[in-house]
Amino acid sequence: MDSILVFPFPYDIYVCLCDQSRQKKDIELVIKPGDNVSAFNRPSSDRNSEVGIVKFCPLSFLKDPGSSYLKDGVFCIRVYIDFMNMKSKLAKSKNEPVNTNGSE
C-alpha cells in the first residue's frame, strides 16, 4: 500500500470527538503533516514515528456521567484525511456529506 501513497504524506488529518447530543459541540483538531515531518515520511522500518495529540480534550469530558461525548459507555471519534484538499468545504458543513463534484 505504501507504494501508491505520496511521501512525505502531504494531507491534513482531521480528528473529531463527536458530541452525541443534539447540541453537536464536536471537539475537532487538525494534524498537519508539517507539524511532525518524520512521522509523515515513507516508512523505513516496521514502525514509524508516531504523531501524538497531547491536549485534544479534557479527560473530564469522558469521565463525567452526564457527558454528551459518552453515551451508553461509548464515545465516537471521526477521522477524515483530506485527500481532495476539501478542508474549506469540510469546515462549512462538518456534519453533512462533502460535495466533491465542484458545485456548492
Protein backbone atom coordinates (compact mmCIF):
# COMPACT_ATOMS: atom_id res chain seq x y z
CA MET A 1 0.00 0.00 0.00
CA ASP A 2 2.86 2.41 0.69
CA SER A 3 3.85 2.30 -2.98
CA ILE A 4 0.68 4.17 -4.05
CA LEU A 5 0.91 6.91 -1.40
CA VAL A 6 2.77 10.19 -1.80
CA PHE A 7 5.63 10.77 0.66
CA PRO A 8 6.18 12.70 2.72
CA PHE A 9 2.44 12.33 3.43
CA PRO A 10 1.04 15.79 2.49
CA TYR A 11 -2.61 15.58 3.58
CA ASP A 12 -4.25 17.17 6.61
CA ILE A 13 -5.85 14.73 9.05
CA TYR A 14 -8.98 15.88 10.89
CA VAL A 15 -9.80 14.19 14.21
CA CYS A 16 -13.16 14.80 15.87
CA LEU A 17 -14.60 13.71 19.22
CA CYS A 18 -18.30 13.64 18.38
CA ASP A 19 -20.87 15.24 20.66
CA GLN A 20 -23.69 12.68 20.75
CA SER A 21 -26.32 15.18 21.89
CA ARG A 22 -28.43 17.44 19.73
CA GLN A 23 -26.06 20.33 20.51
CA LYS A 24 -23.33 18.84 18.28
CA LYS A 25 -20.47 20.64 20.05
CA ASP A 26 -17.85 18.40 18.47
CA ILE A 27 -14.24 18.81 19.55
CA GLU A 28 -12.02 18.95 16.48
CA LEU A 29 -8.31 19.01 15.80
CA VAL A 30 -6.31 19.13 12.58
CA ILE A 31 -2.98 17.31 12.27
CA LYS A 32 -0.91 18.99 9.58
CA PRO A 33 1.95 16.97 8.09
CA GLY A 34 4.42 19.82 8.61
CA ASP A 35 3.87 19.59 12.38
CA ASN A 36 5.93 16.37 12.68
CA VAL A 37 7.88 15.71 9.50
CA SER A 38 9.46 12.37 10.48
CA ALA A 39 6.08 10.76 11.20
CA PHE A 40 4.90 11.50 7.66
CA ASN A 41 7.94 10.19 5.77
CA ARG A 42 7.92 6.88 3.89
CA PRO A 43 8.30 4.07 6.44
CA SER A 44 11.87 2.81 6.68
CA SER A 45 11.21 0.12 9.30
CA ASP A 46 8.29 -1.81 10.75
CA ARG A 47 7.26 1.21 12.79
CA ASN A 48 7.14 4.93 12.02
CA SER A 49 7.44 7.77 14.49
CA GLU A 50 4.05 8.40 16.00
CA VAL A 51 2.01 11.56 15.97
CA GLY A 52 0.67 12.45 19.40
CA ILE A 53 -2.28 14.60 20.35
CA VAL A 54 -1.40 15.80 23.84
CA LYS A 55 -4.27 18.23 24.50
CA PHE A 56 -7.26 17.06 22.48
CA CYS A 57 -9.92 17.37 25.20
CA PRO A 58 -10.02 17.25 28.98
CA LEU A 59 -10.41 13.71 30.36
CA SER A 60 -13.29 15.03 32.48
CA PHE A 61 -15.34 15.30 29.27
CA LEU A 62 -15.31 11.49 29.06
CA LYS A 63 -15.47 10.72 32.79
CA ASP A 64 -18.49 12.91 33.58
CA PRO A 65 -21.62 10.68 33.78
CA GLY A 66 -23.65 13.41 32.04
CA SER A 67 -21.13 13.88 29.24
CA SER A 68 -22.59 14.40 25.80
CA TYR A 69 -19.42 12.83 24.38
CA LEU A 70 -20.00 9.50 26.15
CA LYS A 71 -23.30 7.70 25.53
CA ASP A 72 -24.02 4.21 26.88
CA GLY A 73 -20.31 3.82 27.65
CA VAL A 74 -19.29 4.59 24.05
CA PHE A 75 -17.54 7.60 22.57
CA CYS A 76 -17.21 8.27 18.85
CA ILE A 77 -14.08 9.51 17.10
CA ARG A 78 -14.34 10.58 13.46
CA VAL A 79 -11.17 10.77 11.37
CA TYR A 80 -11.07 12.42 7.95
CA ILE A 81 -7.99 12.54 5.71
CA ASP A 82 -8.19 15.43 3.28
CA PHE A 83 -7.05 13.68 0.08
CA MET A 84 -9.10 16.07 -2.09
CA ASN A 85 -7.98 19.30 -0.37
CA MET A 86 -11.58 19.86 0.71
CA LYS A 87 -10.81 21.37 4.14
CA SER A 88 -12.71 24.60 3.48
CA LYS A 89 -15.85 22.70 2.47
CA LEU A 90 -15.50 20.37 5.45
CA ALA A 91 -15.31 23.33 7.83
CA LYS A 92 -18.56 24.74 6.40
CA SER A 93 -20.59 21.55 6.77
CA LYS A 94 -18.83 19.22 9.19
CA ASN A 95 -21.95 17.15 9.85
CA GLU A 96 -23.06 16.82 6.23
CA PRO A 97 -21.52 14.87 3.35
CA VAL A 98 -18.83 16.81 1.50
CA ASN A 99 -19.74 17.56 -2.12
CA THR A 100 -16.75 16.57 -4.27
CA ASN A 101 -18.18 17.39 -7.70
CA GLY A 102 -17.23 21.08 -7.54
CA SER A 103 -20.72 22.57 -7.17
CA GLU A 104 -21.95 24.17 -3.96
